[in-house]
């Protein structure tokens, strides 16, 4: 997991007008909250936020907050990032201040590797879950969960319970949920039906 730094500024004023003005000035309004602390409104430069969530970890990157009074040197992750649906600009960000020695729950993207045997036989690969829920220490958050589909045949599925994870990372999704499947009928069945 990547460790990033991000400059923040505490703000005393809140509201729609204030947030609109901040966005016009190239800032993103946000809130930092966490266990044992009151939510604190902050503002962040767009480029600083982009840099903090860049790379493989994305929003799961551990971010050391710089500035912001009592928040200085706190570690946080992005839990919600709102974007304008048309312009795709950042509208608001929620940051969760975390304790690096306590487990947290996050969603991690699924990345498939290999070409399934079933796809080569004419089947269709169906990725039912693009993300999975895990619990681990912040420093153990994987950038992604890699699943090798090479041996999957037509009408076969790979379930949550069959996924191997790094040490210290626990899957929270039910073990019988299919993550990826190969859809379609085998060529032999098609040939028999044609006869």
N, C-alpha and C. Protein backbone atom coordinates (compact mmCIF):
# COMPACT_ATOMS: atom_id res chain seq x y z
N UNK A 1 0.83 -1.18 0.00
CA UNK A 1 0.00 0.00 0.00
C UNK A 1 0.87 1.24 0.00
N UNK A 2 0.50 2.19 -0.84
CA UNK A 2 1.29 3.40 -0.96
C UNK A 2 0.98 4.38 0.18
N UNK A 3 2.02 5.06 0.65
CA UNK A 3 1.86 6.11 1.66
C UNK A 3 2.05 7.45 0.95
N UNK A 4 1.07 8.32 1.08
CA UNK A 4 1.12 9.62 0.41
C UNK A 4 1.02 10.72 1.45
N UNK A 5 1.31 11.95 1.03
CA UNK A 5 1.13 13.12 1.88
C UNK A 5 0.19 14.09 1.18
N UNK A 6 -0.60 14.82 1.97
CA UNK A 6 -1.53 15.78 1.37
C UNK A 6 -1.68 16.98 2.30
N UNK A 7 -1.50 18.17 1.73
CA UNK A 7 -1.69 19.41 2.48
C UNK A 7 -3.18 19.69 2.62
N UNK A 8 -3.58 20.06 3.83
CA UNK A 8 -4.98 20.45 4.07
C UNK A 8 -5.01 21.77 4.82
N UNK A 9 -6.13 22.45 4.74
CA UNK A 9 -6.35 23.68 5.50
C UNK A 9 -7.66 23.54 6.25
N UNK A 10 -7.64 23.85 7.55
CA UNK A 10 -8.88 23.86 8.31
C UNK A 10 -9.71 25.05 7.85
N UNK A 11 -11.03 24.90 7.85
CA UNK A 11 -11.89 26.04 7.51
C UNK A 11 -12.95 26.20 8.59
N UNK A 12 -13.30 27.43 8.84
CA UNK A 12 -14.29 27.73 9.88
C UNK A 12 -15.68 27.92 9.28
N UNK A 13 -15.74 28.29 8.01
CA UNK A 13 -17.03 28.53 7.38
C UNK A 13 -17.46 27.31 6.57
N UNK A 14 -18.76 27.02 6.65
CA UNK A 14 -19.32 25.91 5.89
C UNK A 14 -20.55 26.40 5.14
N UNK A 15 -21.11 25.55 4.33
CA UNK A 15 -22.32 25.91 3.59
C UNK A 15 -22.10 25.85 2.09
N UNK A 16 -23.21 25.89 1.36
CA UNK A 16 -23.17 25.76 -0.10
C UNK A 16 -22.37 26.88 -0.75
N UNK A 17 -22.60 28.11 -0.33
CA UNK A 17 -21.90 29.26 -0.93
C UNK A 17 -20.40 29.19 -0.72
N UNK A 18 -20.00 28.82 0.48
CA UNK A 18 -18.57 28.71 0.81
C UNK A 18 -17.92 27.60 -0.04
N UNK A 19 -18.60 26.45 -0.14
CA UNK A 19 -18.06 25.33 -0.93
C UNK A 19 -17.96 25.70 -2.41
N UNK A 20 -18.94 26.41 -2.92
CA UNK A 20 -18.89 26.84 -4.33
C UNK A 20 -17.71 27.77 -4.57
N UNK A 21 -17.48 28.69 -3.63
CA UNK A 21 -16.35 29.62 -3.77
C UNK A 21 -15.02 28.86 -3.73
N UNK A 22 -14.92 27.87 -2.83
CA UNK A 22 -13.68 27.08 -2.75
C UNK A 22 -13.42 26.35 -4.07
N UNK A 23 -14.46 25.76 -4.65
CA UNK A 23 -14.28 25.05 -5.92
C UNK A 23 -13.83 26.00 -7.03
N UNK A 24 -14.38 27.21 -7.03
CA UNK A 24 -13.98 28.21 -8.04
C UNK A 24 -12.52 28.63 -7.87
N UNK A 25 -11.99 28.46 -6.66
CA UNK A 25 -10.59 28.83 -6.38
C UNK A 25 -9.64 27.63 -6.55
N UNK A 26 -10.15 26.51 -7.08
CA UNK A 26 -9.30 25.34 -7.29
C UNK A 26 -9.10 24.49 -6.05
N UNK A 27 -10.04 24.60 -5.12
CA UNK A 27 -9.98 23.83 -3.88
C UNK A 27 -11.14 22.83 -3.84
N UNK A 28 -10.97 21.79 -3.05
CA UNK A 28 -12.03 20.80 -2.84
C UNK A 28 -12.44 20.87 -1.36
N UNK A 29 -13.72 21.16 -1.07
CA UNK A 29 -14.16 21.13 0.32
C UNK A 29 -14.22 19.69 0.81
N UNK A 30 -13.96 19.50 2.08
CA UNK A 30 -13.99 18.15 2.63
C UNK A 30 -14.21 18.15 4.12
N UNK A 31 -14.31 16.95 4.67
CA UNK A 31 -14.48 16.76 6.11
C UNK A 31 -13.55 15.63 6.54
N UNK A 32 -12.89 15.82 7.68
CA UNK A 32 -12.08 14.76 8.28
C UNK A 32 -12.80 14.32 9.54
N UNK A 33 -13.06 13.02 9.66
CA UNK A 33 -13.70 12.50 10.86
C UNK A 33 -13.02 11.20 11.24
N UNK A 34 -13.34 10.73 12.41
CA UNK A 34 -12.75 9.48 12.88
C UNK A 34 -13.14 9.22 14.31
N UNK A 35 -12.70 8.08 14.82
CA UNK A 35 -13.04 7.67 16.18
C UNK A 35 -12.46 8.65 17.20
N UNK A 36 -13.33 9.16 18.06
CA UNK A 36 -12.87 10.03 19.14
C UNK A 36 -12.60 11.48 18.75
N UNK A 37 -12.92 11.88 17.51
CA UNK A 37 -12.72 13.27 17.11
C UNK A 37 -13.99 13.80 16.46
N UNK A 38 -14.25 15.08 16.65
CA UNK A 38 -15.38 15.72 16.00
C UNK A 38 -15.05 15.92 14.53
N UNK A 39 -16.04 15.84 13.65
CA UNK A 39 -15.79 16.12 12.22
C UNK A 39 -15.23 17.52 12.05
N UNK A 40 -14.18 17.63 11.22
CA UNK A 40 -13.53 18.93 11.01
C UNK A 40 -13.57 19.28 9.53
N UNK A 41 -14.20 20.43 9.17
CA UNK A 41 -14.22 20.84 7.77
C UNK A 41 -12.84 21.31 7.31
N UNK A 42 -12.45 20.88 6.12
CA UNK A 42 -11.14 21.23 5.57
C UNK A 42 -11.29 21.62 4.11
N UNK A 43 -10.25 22.18 3.55
CA UNK A 43 -10.18 22.41 2.11
C UNK A 43 -8.83 21.90 1.61
N UNK A 44 -8.84 21.40 0.39
CA UNK A 44 -7.66 20.74 -0.20
C UNK A 44 -7.50 21.23 -1.62
N UNK A 45 -6.27 21.51 -2.04
CA UNK A 45 -6.04 21.87 -3.44
C UNK A 45 -6.31 20.66 -4.32
N UNK A 46 -6.94 20.90 -5.47
CA UNK A 46 -7.31 19.82 -6.38
C UNK A 46 -6.10 18.96 -6.72
N UNK A 47 -4.98 19.58 -7.07
CA UNK A 47 -3.80 18.80 -7.47
C UNK A 47 -3.25 17.96 -6.32
N UNK A 48 -3.38 18.46 -5.07
CA UNK A 48 -2.92 17.68 -3.92
C UNK A 48 -3.78 16.44 -3.72
N UNK A 49 -5.10 16.60 -3.90
CA UNK A 49 -6.01 15.46 -3.77
C UNK A 49 -5.75 14.45 -4.88
N UNK A 50 -5.57 14.93 -6.10
CA UNK A 50 -5.28 14.03 -7.23
C UNK A 50 -4.00 13.24 -6.98
N UNK A 51 -2.99 13.89 -6.48
CA UNK A 51 -1.72 13.23 -6.19
C UNK A 51 -1.88 12.18 -5.09
N UNK A 52 -2.70 12.49 -4.07
CA UNK A 52 -2.87 11.59 -2.93
C UNK A 52 -3.59 10.30 -3.32
N UNK A 53 -4.48 10.36 -4.32
CA UNK A 53 -5.23 9.15 -4.69
C UNK A 53 -4.72 8.55 -6.00
N UNK A 54 -3.57 9.02 -6.48
CA UNK A 54 -3.00 8.45 -7.70
C UNK A 54 -2.27 7.14 -7.37
N UNK A 55 -2.02 6.35 -8.39
CA UNK A 55 -1.31 5.08 -8.19
C UNK A 55 -2.28 3.93 -8.04
N UNK A 56 -1.72 2.74 -7.81
CA UNK A 56 -2.52 1.51 -7.76
C UNK A 56 -3.52 1.49 -6.61
N UNK A 57 -3.17 2.06 -5.48
CA UNK A 57 -4.06 2.00 -4.31
C UNK A 57 -5.28 2.87 -4.42
N UNK A 58 -5.21 3.92 -5.23
CA UNK A 58 -6.35 4.82 -5.41
C UNK A 58 -6.84 5.41 -4.10
N UNK A 59 -8.13 5.32 -3.86
CA UNK A 59 -8.71 5.88 -2.66
C UNK A 59 -8.30 5.14 -1.39
N UNK A 60 -7.69 3.96 -1.51
CA UNK A 60 -7.23 3.22 -0.34
C UNK A 60 -5.81 3.60 0.07
N UNK A 61 -5.19 4.54 -0.64
CA UNK A 61 -3.86 4.99 -0.25
C UNK A 61 -3.90 5.57 1.16
N UNK A 62 -2.89 5.28 1.96
CA UNK A 62 -2.76 5.91 3.27
C UNK A 62 -2.21 7.31 3.06
N UNK A 63 -2.91 8.30 3.62
CA UNK A 63 -2.55 9.70 3.39
C UNK A 63 -2.17 10.35 4.71
N UNK A 64 -0.95 10.85 4.80
CA UNK A 64 -0.53 11.63 5.96
C UNK A 64 -0.95 13.07 5.71
N UNK A 65 -1.76 13.61 6.62
CA UNK A 65 -2.26 14.97 6.47
C UNK A 65 -1.22 15.95 6.98
N UNK A 66 -0.94 16.95 6.17
CA UNK A 66 0.04 17.98 6.52
C UNK A 66 -0.70 19.28 6.76
N UNK A 67 -0.41 19.94 7.88
CA UNK A 67 -1.12 21.18 8.23
C UNK A 67 -2.42 20.84 8.93
N UNK A 68 -3.29 21.82 9.03
CA UNK A 68 -4.60 21.54 9.64
C UNK A 68 -4.57 21.44 11.14
N UNK A 69 -3.66 22.17 11.80
CA UNK A 69 -3.66 22.23 13.26
C UNK A 69 -3.52 20.87 13.90
N UNK A 70 -4.55 20.46 14.66
CA UNK A 70 -4.50 19.19 15.41
C UNK A 70 -4.51 17.98 14.49
N UNK A 71 -4.85 18.17 13.22
CA UNK A 71 -4.85 17.06 12.26
C UNK A 71 -3.47 16.80 11.66
N UNK A 72 -2.51 17.70 11.90
CA UNK A 72 -1.18 17.57 11.31
C UNK A 72 -0.56 16.22 11.67
N UNK A 73 -0.05 15.53 10.65
CA UNK A 73 0.60 14.22 10.76
C UNK A 73 -0.38 13.08 11.06
N UNK A 74 -1.69 13.35 11.01
CA UNK A 74 -2.67 12.27 11.14
C UNK A 74 -2.66 11.45 9.86
N UNK A 75 -3.04 10.18 9.97
CA UNK A 75 -3.15 9.31 8.79
C UNK A 75 -4.63 9.11 8.50
N UNK A 76 -4.99 9.22 7.21
CA UNK A 76 -6.38 9.09 6.80
C UNK A 76 -6.48 8.34 5.48
N UNK A 77 -7.70 7.88 5.17
CA UNK A 77 -7.99 7.35 3.84
C UNK A 77 -9.26 8.03 3.34
N UNK A 78 -9.42 8.06 2.03
CA UNK A 78 -10.61 8.65 1.42
C UNK A 78 -11.73 7.61 1.50
N UNK A 79 -12.86 8.00 2.11
CA UNK A 79 -13.98 7.07 2.18
C UNK A 79 -15.10 7.45 1.22
N UNK A 80 -15.15 8.70 0.80
CA UNK A 80 -16.16 9.12 -0.17
C UNK A 80 -15.61 10.29 -0.96
N UNK A 81 -15.74 10.21 -2.28
CA UNK A 81 -15.27 11.26 -3.17
C UNK A 81 -16.39 11.57 -4.15
N UNK A 82 -17.00 12.73 -3.99
CA UNK A 82 -18.11 13.12 -4.86
C UNK A 82 -17.57 13.91 -6.04
N UNK A 83 -18.08 13.56 -7.24
CA UNK A 83 -17.67 14.26 -8.46
C UNK A 83 -18.90 14.83 -9.16
N UNK A 84 -18.68 15.90 -9.90
CA UNK A 84 -19.74 16.46 -10.73
C UNK A 84 -20.03 15.45 -11.84
N UNK A 85 -21.31 15.07 -12.04
CA UNK A 85 -21.61 14.02 -13.02
C UNK A 85 -21.28 14.39 -14.46
N UNK A 86 -21.22 15.68 -14.77
CA UNK A 86 -20.94 16.11 -16.14
C UNK A 86 -19.48 16.52 -16.31
N UNK A 87 -19.01 17.42 -15.46
CA UNK A 87 -17.64 17.94 -15.58
C UNK A 87 -16.59 16.98 -15.02
N UNK A 88 -17.02 16.03 -14.17
CA UNK A 88 -16.12 15.07 -13.51
C UNK A 88 -15.14 15.74 -12.55
N UNK A 89 -15.42 16.99 -12.17
CA UNK A 89 -14.58 17.68 -11.19
C UNK A 89 -14.95 17.21 -9.78
N UNK A 90 -14.01 17.35 -8.84
CA UNK A 90 -14.28 16.95 -7.47
C UNK A 90 -15.20 17.97 -6.80
N UNK A 91 -16.25 17.46 -6.13
CA UNK A 91 -17.18 18.34 -5.43
C UNK A 91 -16.94 18.33 -3.92
N UNK A 92 -16.63 17.15 -3.37
CA UNK A 92 -16.47 17.03 -1.92
C UNK A 92 -15.73 15.73 -1.62
N UNK A 93 -14.96 15.74 -0.53
CA UNK A 93 -14.23 14.53 -0.13
C UNK A 93 -14.41 14.31 1.37
N UNK A 94 -14.66 13.04 1.74
CA UNK A 94 -14.71 12.64 3.14
C UNK A 94 -13.47 11.83 3.44
N UNK A 95 -12.74 12.24 4.46
CA UNK A 95 -11.52 11.54 4.88
C UNK A 95 -11.75 10.93 6.25
N UNK A 96 -11.34 9.66 6.40
CA UNK A 96 -11.47 8.98 7.68
C UNK A 96 -10.10 8.91 8.34
N UNK A 97 -9.98 9.58 9.46
CA UNK A 97 -8.74 9.54 10.24
C UNK A 97 -8.65 8.18 10.91
N UNK A 98 -7.53 7.50 10.73
CA UNK A 98 -7.40 6.13 11.22
C UNK A 98 -6.21 5.96 12.16
N UNK A 99 -6.27 4.87 12.91
CA UNK A 99 -5.15 4.45 13.75
C UNK A 99 -4.46 3.32 13.00
N UNK A 100 -3.20 3.49 12.67
CA UNK A 100 -2.50 2.49 11.86
C UNK A 100 -2.33 1.15 12.57
N UNK A 101 -2.65 1.10 13.86
CA UNK A 101 -2.55 -0.15 14.62
C UNK A 101 -3.89 -0.83 14.82
N UNK A 102 -4.95 -0.30 14.21
CA UNK A 102 -6.28 -0.90 14.32
C UNK A 102 -6.77 -1.31 12.94
N UNK A 103 -7.43 -2.48 12.87
CA UNK A 103 -7.95 -2.96 11.59
C UNK A 103 -9.06 -2.06 11.08
N UNK A 104 -9.13 -1.93 9.75
CA UNK A 104 -10.20 -1.17 9.12
C UNK A 104 -10.82 -2.01 8.01
N UNK A 105 -11.99 -1.59 7.57
CA UNK A 105 -12.68 -2.27 6.47
C UNK A 105 -12.69 -1.38 5.25
N UNK A 106 -12.27 -1.94 4.12
CA UNK A 106 -12.22 -1.20 2.86
C UNK A 106 -12.66 -2.10 1.71
N UNK A 107 -12.96 -1.49 0.57
CA UNK A 107 -13.23 -2.27 -0.64
C UNK A 107 -11.99 -2.22 -1.51
N UNK A 108 -11.67 -3.35 -2.12
CA UNK A 108 -10.46 -3.48 -2.94
C UNK A 108 -10.87 -4.00 -4.32
N UNK A 109 -10.34 -3.39 -5.39
CA UNK A 109 -10.72 -3.84 -6.74
C UNK A 109 -10.18 -5.23 -7.07
N UNK A 110 -10.94 -5.94 -7.91
CA UNK A 110 -10.56 -7.26 -8.39
C UNK A 110 -9.87 -7.11 -9.75
N UNK A 111 -8.74 -7.78 -9.95
CA UNK A 111 -8.02 -7.77 -11.22
C UNK A 111 -7.89 -9.22 -11.69
N UNK A 112 -8.37 -9.50 -12.89
CA UNK A 112 -8.30 -10.85 -13.45
C UNK A 112 -7.04 -11.02 -14.28
N UNK A 113 -6.42 -12.20 -14.18
CA UNK A 113 -5.24 -12.50 -14.98
C UNK A 113 -5.47 -13.81 -15.74
N UNK A 114 -4.79 -13.96 -16.87
CA UNK A 114 -4.90 -15.16 -17.67
C UNK A 114 -6.12 -15.14 -18.57
N UNK A 115 -6.16 -16.10 -19.49
CA UNK A 115 -7.31 -16.29 -20.37
C UNK A 115 -7.93 -17.64 -20.04
N UNK A 116 -9.20 -17.61 -19.67
CA UNK A 116 -9.89 -18.83 -19.23
C UNK A 116 -10.02 -19.84 -20.36
N UNK A 117 -9.87 -21.12 -20.01
CA UNK A 117 -10.06 -22.21 -20.97
C UNK A 117 -11.46 -22.12 -21.57
N UNK A 118 -12.45 -21.81 -20.74
CA UNK A 118 -13.83 -21.70 -21.20
C UNK A 118 -14.05 -20.60 -22.22
N UNK A 119 -13.30 -19.53 -22.11
CA UNK A 119 -13.41 -18.43 -23.09
C UNK A 119 -12.85 -18.89 -24.43
N UNK A 120 -11.75 -19.64 -24.39
CA UNK A 120 -11.16 -20.16 -25.63
C UNK A 120 -12.11 -21.14 -26.32
N UNK A 121 -12.98 -21.78 -25.52
CA UNK A 121 -13.96 -22.73 -26.07
C UNK A 121 -15.26 -22.05 -26.49
N UNK A 122 -15.30 -20.73 -26.43
CA UNK A 122 -16.48 -20.00 -26.87
C UNK A 122 -17.37 -19.48 -25.76
N UNK A 123 -16.97 -19.66 -24.51
CA UNK A 123 -17.75 -19.15 -23.39
C UNK A 123 -17.55 -17.66 -23.18
N UNK A 124 -18.35 -17.09 -22.31
CA UNK A 124 -18.29 -15.66 -22.01
C UNK A 124 -17.91 -15.47 -20.55
N UNK A 125 -16.89 -14.66 -20.30
CA UNK A 125 -16.43 -14.40 -18.95
C UNK A 125 -17.36 -13.37 -18.30
N UNK A 126 -17.85 -13.68 -17.10
CA UNK A 126 -18.75 -12.79 -16.37
C UNK A 126 -18.13 -12.46 -15.02
N UNK A 127 -17.70 -11.21 -14.86
CA UNK A 127 -17.14 -10.75 -13.59
C UNK A 127 -18.28 -10.13 -12.78
N UNK A 128 -18.77 -10.86 -11.79
CA UNK A 128 -19.93 -10.43 -11.01
C UNK A 128 -19.59 -9.37 -9.98
N UNK A 129 -18.36 -9.40 -9.47
CA UNK A 129 -17.95 -8.44 -8.43
C UNK A 129 -16.63 -7.79 -8.82
N UNK A 130 -16.67 -6.50 -9.09
CA UNK A 130 -15.46 -5.75 -9.45
C UNK A 130 -14.65 -5.35 -8.22
N UNK A 131 -15.29 -5.40 -7.05
CA UNK A 131 -14.62 -5.07 -5.78
C UNK A 131 -15.03 -6.08 -4.71
N UNK A 132 -14.15 -6.28 -3.74
CA UNK A 132 -14.45 -7.14 -2.60
C UNK A 132 -14.16 -6.38 -1.31
N UNK A 133 -14.86 -6.74 -0.26
CA UNK A 133 -14.70 -6.09 1.04
C UNK A 133 -13.70 -6.87 1.88
N UNK A 134 -12.72 -6.15 2.42
CA UNK A 134 -11.71 -6.80 3.26
C UNK A 134 -11.54 -6.05 4.57
N UNK A 135 -10.95 -6.75 5.54
CA UNK A 135 -10.59 -6.13 6.81
C UNK A 135 -9.14 -6.47 7.09
N UNK A 136 -8.37 -5.43 7.47
CA UNK A 136 -6.95 -5.64 7.76
C UNK A 136 -6.38 -4.38 8.40
N UNK A 137 -5.14 -4.46 8.82
CA UNK A 137 -4.44 -3.26 9.29
C UNK A 137 -4.22 -2.34 8.10
N UNK A 138 -4.25 -1.03 8.30
CA UNK A 138 -4.08 -0.09 7.19
C UNK A 138 -2.85 -0.35 6.34
N UNK A 139 -1.75 -0.74 6.94
CA UNK A 139 -0.52 -0.99 6.19
C UNK A 139 -0.57 -2.24 5.33
N UNK A 140 -1.59 -3.10 5.54
CA UNK A 140 -1.70 -4.35 4.78
C UNK A 140 -2.75 -4.29 3.67
N UNK A 141 -3.35 -3.12 3.45
CA UNK A 141 -4.39 -3.03 2.42
C UNK A 141 -3.77 -3.34 1.06
N UNK A 142 -4.28 -4.38 0.37
CA UNK A 142 -3.72 -4.69 -0.95
C UNK A 142 -4.19 -3.66 -1.98
N UNK A 143 -3.35 -3.37 -2.98
CA UNK A 143 -3.74 -2.46 -4.05
C UNK A 143 -4.91 -3.03 -4.83
N UNK A 144 -4.90 -4.37 -5.00
CA UNK A 144 -5.98 -5.06 -5.70
C UNK A 144 -5.93 -6.54 -5.31
N UNK A 145 -6.99 -7.26 -5.65
CA UNK A 145 -7.04 -8.70 -5.41
C UNK A 145 -6.94 -9.37 -6.78
N UNK A 146 -5.86 -10.11 -6.98
CA UNK A 146 -5.59 -10.74 -8.28
C UNK A 146 -6.19 -12.14 -8.32
N UNK A 147 -6.95 -12.42 -9.37
CA UNK A 147 -7.57 -13.73 -9.54
C UNK A 147 -7.15 -14.30 -10.89
N UNK A 148 -6.54 -15.47 -10.87
CA UNK A 148 -6.14 -16.16 -12.10
C UNK A 148 -7.31 -17.01 -12.60
N UNK A 149 -7.80 -16.70 -13.80
CA UNK A 149 -8.97 -17.41 -14.34
C UNK A 149 -8.58 -18.47 -15.38
N UNK A 150 -7.29 -18.71 -15.57
CA UNK A 150 -6.80 -19.59 -16.63
C UNK A 150 -7.49 -20.95 -16.66
N UNK A 151 -7.73 -21.57 -15.51
CA UNK A 151 -8.27 -22.94 -15.47
C UNK A 151 -9.79 -23.01 -15.45
N UNK A 152 -10.48 -21.88 -15.52
CA UNK A 152 -11.94 -21.90 -15.48
C UNK A 152 -12.52 -22.40 -16.80
N UNK A 153 -13.40 -23.39 -16.71
CA UNK A 153 -14.05 -23.94 -17.90
C UNK A 153 -15.48 -23.42 -17.98
N UNK A 154 -16.14 -23.71 -19.10
CA UNK A 154 -17.53 -23.30 -19.28
C UNK A 154 -18.38 -23.89 -18.16
N UNK A 155 -19.27 -23.07 -17.62
CA UNK A 155 -20.19 -23.42 -16.54
C UNK A 155 -19.49 -23.53 -15.18
N UNK A 156 -18.26 -23.07 -15.08
CA UNK A 156 -17.57 -23.06 -13.80
C UNK A 156 -17.51 -21.63 -13.25
N UNK A 157 -17.45 -21.54 -11.92
CA UNK A 157 -17.35 -20.26 -11.23
C UNK A 157 -16.25 -20.32 -10.19
N UNK A 158 -15.72 -19.17 -9.87
CA UNK A 158 -14.77 -19.05 -8.77
C UNK A 158 -15.46 -18.22 -7.69
N UNK A 159 -15.52 -18.76 -6.47
CA UNK A 159 -16.24 -18.13 -5.37
C UNK A 159 -15.30 -17.40 -4.42
N UNK A 160 -15.88 -16.53 -3.61
CA UNK A 160 -15.10 -15.74 -2.65
C UNK A 160 -14.23 -16.64 -1.78
N UNK A 161 -14.78 -17.76 -1.33
CA UNK A 161 -14.05 -18.66 -0.44
C UNK A 161 -12.83 -19.32 -1.07
N UNK A 162 -12.70 -19.25 -2.39
CA UNK A 162 -11.58 -19.88 -3.10
C UNK A 162 -10.44 -18.90 -3.38
N UNK A 163 -10.60 -17.66 -2.98
CA UNK A 163 -9.60 -16.63 -3.27
C UNK A 163 -8.52 -16.64 -2.19
N UNK A 164 -7.27 -16.63 -2.62
CA UNK A 164 -6.14 -16.58 -1.69
C UNK A 164 -5.73 -15.13 -1.51
N UNK A 165 -5.61 -14.72 -0.24
CA UNK A 165 -5.24 -13.35 0.08
C UNK A 165 -3.91 -13.30 0.81
N UNK A 166 -3.26 -12.13 0.79
CA UNK A 166 -2.02 -11.98 1.56
C UNK A 166 -2.29 -12.19 3.06
N UNK A 167 -1.26 -12.53 3.79
CA UNK A 167 -1.38 -12.73 5.24
C UNK A 167 -1.90 -11.45 5.90
N UNK A 168 -2.79 -11.62 6.85
CA UNK A 168 -3.31 -10.47 7.59
C UNK A 168 -4.50 -9.79 6.95
N UNK A 169 -4.95 -10.30 5.79
CA UNK A 169 -6.10 -9.70 5.09
C UNK A 169 -7.23 -10.72 5.11
N UNK A 170 -8.41 -10.28 5.57
CA UNK A 170 -9.56 -11.17 5.69
C UNK A 170 -10.69 -10.68 4.80
N UNK A 171 -11.26 -11.59 4.01
CA UNK A 171 -12.41 -11.24 3.18
C UNK A 171 -13.67 -11.21 4.02
N UNK A 172 -14.51 -10.20 3.81
CA UNK A 172 -15.74 -10.06 4.57
C UNK A 172 -16.97 -10.54 3.81
N UNK A 173 -16.85 -10.70 2.48
CA UNK A 173 -17.97 -11.17 1.68
C UNK A 173 -18.21 -12.65 1.97
N UNK A 174 -19.47 -13.10 1.79
CA UNK A 174 -19.81 -14.51 2.04
C UNK A 174 -19.01 -15.41 1.11
N UNK A 175 -18.55 -16.54 1.65
CA UNK A 175 -17.64 -17.41 0.90
C UNK A 175 -18.28 -18.09 -0.30
N UNK A 176 -19.63 -18.21 -0.32
CA UNK A 176 -20.28 -18.91 -1.43
C UNK A 176 -20.70 -17.99 -2.58
N UNK A 177 -20.35 -16.70 -2.50
CA UNK A 177 -20.70 -15.76 -3.56
C UNK A 177 -19.77 -15.94 -4.75
N UNK A 178 -20.31 -16.15 -5.96
CA UNK A 178 -19.44 -16.26 -7.14
C UNK A 178 -18.87 -14.89 -7.52
N UNK A 179 -17.57 -14.86 -7.78
CA UNK A 179 -16.91 -13.61 -8.17
C UNK A 179 -16.79 -13.54 -9.69
N UNK A 180 -16.38 -14.65 -10.30
CA UNK A 180 -16.23 -14.70 -11.76
C UNK A 180 -16.72 -16.06 -12.26
N UNK A 181 -17.42 -16.04 -13.40
CA UNK A 181 -17.98 -17.27 -13.98
C UNK A 181 -17.73 -17.28 -15.47
N UNK A 182 -17.77 -18.50 -16.05
CA UNK A 182 -17.71 -18.65 -17.50
C UNK A 182 -19.09 -19.14 -17.95
N UNK A 183 -19.75 -18.32 -18.73
CA UNK A 183 -21.11 -18.62 -19.18
C UNK A 183 -21.07 -19.25 -20.57
N UNK A 184 -22.07 -20.10 -20.88
CA UNK A 184 -22.16 -20.70 -22.20
C UNK A 184 -22.22 -22.21 -22.09
N UNK A 185 -22.48 -22.84 -23.22
CA UNK A 185 -22.54 -24.31 -23.26
C UNK A 185 -21.28 -24.85 -23.91
N UNK A 186 -20.88 -26.02 -23.48
CA UNK A 186 -19.71 -26.67 -24.08
C UNK A 186 -20.01 -27.06 -25.52
N UNK A 187 -18.98 -27.12 -26.36
CA UNK A 187 -19.14 -27.45 -27.79
C UNK A 187 -19.76 -28.83 -27.98
N UNK A 188 -19.45 -29.77 -27.06
CA UNK A 188 -19.99 -31.11 -27.19
C UNK A 188 -21.51 -31.08 -27.04
N UNK A 189 -22.00 -30.28 -26.09
CA UNK A 189 -23.44 -30.18 -25.87
C UNK A 189 -24.11 -29.56 -27.10
N UNK A 190 -23.48 -28.56 -27.68
CA UNK A 190 -24.03 -27.91 -28.87
C UNK A 190 -24.09 -28.88 -30.03
N UNK A 191 -23.04 -29.69 -30.17
CA UNK A 191 -23.00 -30.67 -31.26
C UNK A 191 -24.10 -31.73 -31.08
N UNK A 192 -24.29 -32.18 -29.83
CA UNK A 192 -25.33 -33.18 -29.55
C UNK A 192 -26.71 -32.61 -29.83
N UNK A 193 -26.93 -31.35 -29.49
CA UNK A 193 -28.22 -30.72 -29.74
C UNK A 193 -28.48 -30.58 -31.24
N UNK A 194 -27.42 -30.32 -32.01
CA UNK A 194 -27.56 -30.15 -33.46
C UNK A 194 -27.93 -31.46 -34.12
N UNK A 195 -27.42 -32.59 -33.59
CA UNK A 195 -27.72 -33.91 -34.16
C UNK A 195 -29.18 -34.26 -33.90
